């Protein structure tokens, strides 16, 4: 699809009355801090471009990405499945030592992830030329991470798929561990372990749904540059959960969360503070 055609499609979707309605509902939910029901909106969106148009309208209304998005989520169930993407507001990103005291979630779920950080900018033209084989060369570093999935819909992760995608892919927060240089890695044998409240809930999960987390880069970058913007060096993208979405209790009742990727590092949450180590 040409860049001109994409701009036209985005514009048409944003003018769609249903898209405008869903965006207004989500903006209201974010401003009030209270989830809203998806009842009556179940059939409002029927294709991904509408969901992405809602994402853009919500971001515009809340002033999230005036200078471009520094954080993204991307991922999919398999290489044969469509990938989903969302730019993430920086206010929900935390690193080691940071507190989560001011964040509030409604139906939180833990996703254990590997995040990638670009070492160079990617223009729309370059994104169109990328292959799965050469895109990994764009990555400067990687880190273990926890995405807290959450929803502005009362129905949470049971809300209709397009409405979840419209809601920034049901994103709540992103906790990022210590950065490691990017290098070839045996992803097929990588282990992921998760403890909640000092009790193991996942042991030995793997391999990654896409085989290699960097496989999604060309698809994500073509999406991220489709509005004509260049994706800046240093931009961070999640790559999909290794453990699905594990339900959590709401803060401040969550006492202890720990995610380990042996050989790559650990990240956790204790008493509302992010902890990480290599």
Protein backbone atom coordinates (compact mmCIF):
# COMPACT_ATOMS: atom_id res chain seq x y z
CA UNK A 1 0.00 0.00 0.00
CA UNK A 2 1.42 3.40 -0.96
CA UNK A 3 2.01 6.09 1.68
CA UNK A 4 -0.55 8.35 -0.04
CA UNK A 5 -3.16 5.58 0.01
CA UNK A 6 -2.42 4.92 3.68
CA UNK A 7 -2.86 8.60 4.60
CA UNK A 8 -6.20 8.60 2.78
CA UNK A 9 -7.34 5.45 4.57
CA UNK A 10 -6.36 6.81 7.99
CA UNK A 11 -8.19 10.07 7.29
CA UNK A 12 -11.33 8.26 6.17
CA UNK A 13 -11.33 6.05 9.27
CA UNK A 14 -10.91 9.02 11.60
CA UNK A 15 -13.93 10.68 10.00
CA UNK A 16 -15.99 7.52 10.61
CA UNK A 17 -18.79 8.26 13.12
CA UNK A 18 -18.29 4.95 14.94
CA UNK A 19 -14.56 5.61 15.25
CA UNK A 20 -15.26 9.05 16.67
CA UNK A 21 -17.74 7.60 19.15
CA UNK A 22 -15.39 4.90 20.45
CA UNK A 23 -12.55 7.42 20.73
CA UNK A 24 -14.70 9.79 22.76
CA UNK A 25 -15.71 7.00 25.13
CA UNK A 26 -12.08 5.95 25.67
CA UNK A 27 -10.88 9.51 26.18
CA UNK A 28 -13.60 9.97 28.79
CA UNK A 29 -12.60 6.74 30.55
CA UNK A 30 -8.95 7.77 30.70
CA UNK A 31 -9.74 11.24 31.98
CA UNK A 32 -12.12 9.98 34.66
CA UNK A 33 -10.01 7.00 35.63
CA UNK A 34 -13.11 4.82 35.51
CA UNK A 35 -13.71 1.93 33.08
CA UNK A 36 -16.74 2.00 30.80
CA UNK A 37 -18.90 -0.76 29.40
CA UNK A 38 -18.49 -1.90 25.82
CA UNK A 39 -22.21 -2.69 25.70
CA UNK A 40 -23.70 -1.05 22.64
CA UNK A 41 -20.30 -0.73 20.97
CA UNK A 42 -19.66 -4.42 20.27
CA UNK A 43 -20.21 -3.98 16.52
CA UNK A 44 -18.95 -0.38 16.24
CA UNK A 45 -15.58 -1.39 14.81
CA UNK A 46 -15.19 -4.12 12.23
CA UNK A 47 -11.63 -3.77 10.90
CA UNK A 48 -8.17 -3.04 12.23
CA UNK A 49 -7.81 0.32 10.50
CA UNK A 50 -10.76 1.63 12.49
CA UNK A 51 -9.12 0.43 15.72
CA UNK A 52 -5.86 2.13 14.79
CA UNK A 53 -7.74 5.32 13.92
CA UNK A 54 -9.27 5.27 17.42
CA UNK A 55 -5.78 4.87 18.90
CA UNK A 56 -4.61 7.93 16.98
CA UNK A 57 -7.60 10.05 18.01
CA UNK A 58 -7.22 9.13 21.69
CA UNK A 59 -3.49 9.93 21.57
CA UNK A 60 -4.18 13.25 19.88
CA UNK A 61 -6.83 14.22 22.42
CA UNK A 62 -4.51 13.41 25.33
CA UNK A 63 -1.37 14.89 23.77
CA UNK A 64 0.69 11.73 24.07
CA UNK A 65 2.87 11.75 20.97
CA UNK A 66 3.33 15.31 19.78
CA UNK A 67 7.05 14.57 19.34
CA UNK A 68 6.55 10.97 18.24
CA UNK A 69 6.17 7.78 20.27
CA UNK A 70 9.22 6.52 22.17
CA UNK A 71 7.57 3.23 23.25
CA UNK A 72 5.47 0.71 21.33
CA UNK A 73 3.93 -2.69 21.82
CA UNK A 74 3.76 -5.27 19.07
CA UNK A 75 3.24 -9.00 18.83
CA UNK A 76 1.12 -11.88 17.65
CA UNK A 77 0.17 -15.47 18.38
CA UNK A 78 2.36 -16.85 15.61
CA UNK A 79 4.10 -15.86 12.40
CA UNK A 80 0.99 -16.92 10.52
CA UNK A 81 -1.25 -14.60 12.56
CA UNK A 82 -1.71 -10.85 12.03
CA UNK A 83 0.41 -8.76 14.36
CA UNK A 84 -1.13 -6.01 16.49
CA UNK A 85 0.57 -2.74 17.41
CA UNK A 86 0.05 0.26 19.68
CA UNK A 87 2.10 3.32 20.61
CA UNK A 88 2.40 3.57 24.40
CA UNK A 89 2.18 6.72 26.53
CA UNK A 90 5.49 7.37 28.26
CA UNK A 91 3.76 8.14 31.58
CA UNK A 92 3.22 4.40 32.14
CA UNK A 93 6.84 3.33 31.55
CA UNK A 94 8.99 2.49 34.57
CA UNK A 95 12.61 1.40 35.11
CA UNK A 96 14.42 -0.11 38.09
CA UNK A 97 13.90 1.86 41.30
CA UNK A 98 10.76 3.61 40.07
CA UNK A 99 7.54 3.60 42.05
CA UNK A 100 4.13 2.68 40.68
CA UNK A 101 2.26 4.47 43.45
CA UNK A 102 0.35 6.86 41.18
CA UNK A 103 -0.71 4.18 38.68
CA UNK A 104 -4.11 2.52 39.04
CA UNK A 105 -5.43 -0.49 37.14
CA UNK A 106 -8.83 -2.13 36.89
CA UNK A 107 -8.27 -5.67 35.60
CA UNK A 108 -4.47 -6.04 35.48
CA UNK A 109 -2.69 -9.01 33.96
CA UNK A 110 1.03 -9.73 33.76
CA UNK A 111 2.82 -10.36 30.46
CA UNK A 112 6.50 -11.38 30.47
CA UNK A 113 8.32 -9.85 27.52
CA UNK A 114 11.58 -9.07 25.78
CA UNK A 115 11.83 -5.46 24.63
CA UNK A 116 14.09 -4.21 21.85
CA UNK A 117 15.67 -0.76 21.48
CA UNK A 118 16.58 0.62 18.06
CA UNK A 119 20.13 1.80 17.47
CA UNK A 120 19.32 3.96 14.46
CA UNK A 121 16.38 5.88 12.98
CA UNK A 122 14.08 4.21 10.45
CA UNK A 123 12.43 6.28 7.74
CA UNK A 124 9.20 5.24 5.99
CA UNK A 125 11.17 4.42 2.86
CA UNK A 126 13.64 2.24 4.75
CA UNK A 127 10.85 0.47 6.62
CA UNK A 128 9.30 -0.58 3.31
CA UNK A 129 12.56 -2.25 2.26
CA UNK A 130 13.25 -4.19 5.45
CA UNK A 131 13.24 -7.97 5.52
CA UNK A 132 13.02 -10.28 8.52
CA UNK A 133 16.66 -11.18 7.98
CA UNK A 134 18.17 -7.70 7.98
CA UNK A 135 15.88 -5.90 10.44
CA UNK A 136 17.66 -7.35 13.50
CA UNK A 137 20.67 -5.25 12.51
CA UNK A 138 18.71 -2.18 13.59
CA UNK A 139 18.58 -3.32 17.23
CA UNK A 140 21.12 -1.89 19.66
CA UNK A 141 19.99 -3.51 22.89
CA UNK A 142 17.37 -5.68 24.57
CA UNK A 143 15.93 -6.08 28.06
CA UNK A 144 13.55 -8.27 30.00
CA UNK A 145 10.27 -6.53 30.75
CA UNK A 146 6.81 -6.81 32.23
CA UNK A 147 3.84 -5.34 30.46
CA UNK A 148 0.86 -4.85 32.72
CA UNK A 149 -2.16 -5.38 30.49
CA UNK A 150 -5.22 -3.42 31.57
CA UNK A 151 -8.40 -2.12 30.01
CA UNK A 152 -10.62 0.93 29.95
CA UNK A 153 -13.50 -1.48 29.27
CA UNK A 154 -15.43 -2.93 32.20
CA UNK A 155 -15.24 -6.28 30.43
CA UNK A 156 -11.44 -6.13 30.53
CA UNK A 157 -9.65 -8.61 28.30
CA UNK A 158 -13.02 -10.17 27.47
CA UNK A 159 -14.13 -7.06 25.56
CA UNK A 160 -14.46 -7.42 21.75
CA UNK A 161 -11.12 -7.74 19.96
CA UNK A 162 -11.33 -4.52 17.93
CA UNK A 163 -12.26 -2.53 21.03
CA UNK A 164 -9.27 -3.99 22.90
CA UNK A 165 -6.99 -3.03 20.03
CA UNK A 166 -8.53 0.46 19.92
CA UNK A 167 -7.70 0.79 23.64
CA UNK A 168 -3.94 0.82 22.91
CA UNK A 169 -4.02 -2.97 22.84
CA UNK A 170 -5.21 -3.11 26.47
CA UNK A 171 -2.03 -1.51 27.77
CA UNK A 172 -1.60 -0.50 31.40
CA UNK A 173 2.12 -0.05 32.11
CA UNK A 174 5.56 -1.20 30.96
CA UNK A 175 8.34 -2.13 33.39
CA UNK A 176 11.77 -2.36 31.74
CA UNK A 177 14.81 -4.17 33.13
CA UNK A 178 18.54 -3.67 32.59
CA UNK A 179 19.67 -3.21 29.00
CA UNK A 180 21.93 -5.79 27.34
CA UNK A 181 23.72 -5.49 24.00
CA UNK A 182 21.75 -7.18 21.24
CA UNK A 183 23.40 -10.33 19.89
CA UNK A 184 22.55 -13.69 18.39
CA UNK A 185 20.67 -15.76 20.94
CA UNK A 186 19.25 -19.25 21.26
CA UNK A 187 15.62 -18.15 21.52
CA UNK A 188 14.29 -21.66 20.91
CA UNK A 189 15.70 -22.78 24.26
CA UNK A 190 15.16 -19.62 26.27
CA UNK A 191 13.34 -20.19 29.56
CA UNK A 192 10.90 -17.77 31.17
CA UNK A 193 9.85 -18.12 34.82
CA UNK A 194 7.19 -16.13 36.67
CA UNK A 195 6.42 -15.89 40.41
CA UNK A 196 3.47 -14.08 41.95
CA UNK A 197 3.55 -13.39 45.70
CA UNK A 198 6.58 -15.69 45.99
CA UNK A 199 4.71 -18.60 44.41
CA UNK A 200 5.81 -19.97 41.00
CA UNK A 201 3.03 -19.77 38.43
CA UNK A 202 5.09 -20.38 35.27
CA UNK A 203 8.28 -22.40 34.93
CA UNK A 204 10.13 -23.02 31.69
CA UNK A 205 7.73 -21.28 29.31
CA UNK A 206 8.88 -21.01 25.71
CA UNK A 207 9.75 -20.76 22.96
CA UNK A 208 8.67 -17.30 21.84
CA UNK A 209 5.48 -17.22 19.76
CA UNK A 210 7.36 -15.73 16.79
CA UNK A 211 10.47 -17.87 17.21
CA UNK A 212 12.72 -14.81 17.42
CA UNK A 213 11.42 -11.58 19.00
CA UNK A 214 13.12 -9.50 16.28
CA UNK A 215 11.04 -11.21 13.57
CA UNK A 216 8.27 -8.65 14.00
CA UNK A 217 10.48 -5.62 13.33
CA UNK A 218 9.75 -5.09 9.60
CA UNK A 219 5.99 -5.44 10.13
CA UNK A 220 5.95 -3.15 13.16
CA UNK A 221 8.19 -0.52 11.54
CA UNK A 222 6.03 -0.36 8.44
CA UNK A 223 3.06 0.25 10.73
CA UNK A 224 4.90 2.80 12.89
CA UNK A 225 6.04 4.84 9.87
CA UNK A 226 2.81 4.72 7.91
CA UNK A 227 1.88 8.30 8.88
CA UNK A 228 5.09 9.55 7.27
CA UNK A 229 7.07 9.89 10.50
CA UNK A 230 10.55 8.48 11.03
CA UNK A 231 10.92 6.14 14.01
CA UNK A 232 13.74 7.60 16.09
CA UNK A 233 16.85 5.83 17.32
CA UNK A 234 16.25 4.72 20.89
CA UNK A 235 12.62 3.80 20.28
CA UNK A 236 11.59 0.74 22.33
CA UNK A 237 9.16 -1.98 21.26
CA UNK A 238 7.74 -4.94 23.16
CA UNK A 239 7.62 -8.22 21.26
CA UNK A 240 4.79 -10.29 22.75
CA UNK A 241 4.21 -12.21 25.95
CA UNK A 242 5.94 -15.51 26.63
CA UNK A 243 3.31 -16.52 29.20
CA UNK A 244 0.01 -15.14 27.94
CA UNK A 245 -1.78 -12.74 30.29
CA UNK A 246 -1.63 -13.85 33.94
CA UNK A 247 -4.31 -12.16 36.11
CA UNK A 248 -2.96 -10.02 38.94
CA UNK A 249 -4.45 -8.33 41.97
CA UNK A 250 -4.71 -4.58 41.85
CA UNK A 251 -2.12 -2.32 43.39
CA UNK A 252 -1.35 -1.78 46.19
CA UNK A 253 -2.32 -5.35 47.15
CA UNK A 254 0.24 -6.98 44.81
CA UNK A 255 3.18 -7.67 47.12
CA UNK A 256 5.64 -9.50 44.92
CA UNK A 257 5.99 -10.11 41.18
CA UNK A 258 9.11 -11.66 39.66
CA UNK A 259 9.91 -12.49 36.02
CA UNK A 260 13.14 -14.30 35.17
CA UNK A 261 14.70 -14.95 31.78
CA UNK A 262 17.77 -16.99 32.84
CA UNK A 263 20.84 -15.68 31.06
CA UNK A 264 19.15 -12.37 30.20
CA UNK A 265 18.00 -10.93 33.49
CA UNK A 266 15.18 -10.49 35.97
CA UNK A 267 12.55 -7.86 36.59
CA UNK A 268 10.02 -7.62 39.37
CA UNK A 269 7.76 -5.53 41.51
CA UNK A 270 7.97 -5.44 45.29
CA UNK A 271 6.02 -3.10 47.54
CA UNK A 272 5.13 -1.00 44.54
CA UNK A 273 8.75 -0.46 43.39
CA UNK A 274 10.34 -1.89 40.22
CA UNK A 275 13.36 -4.11 40.79
CA UNK A 276 15.68 -5.40 38.05
CA UNK A 277 19.02 -7.13 37.69
CA UNK A 278 21.06 -8.95 35.07
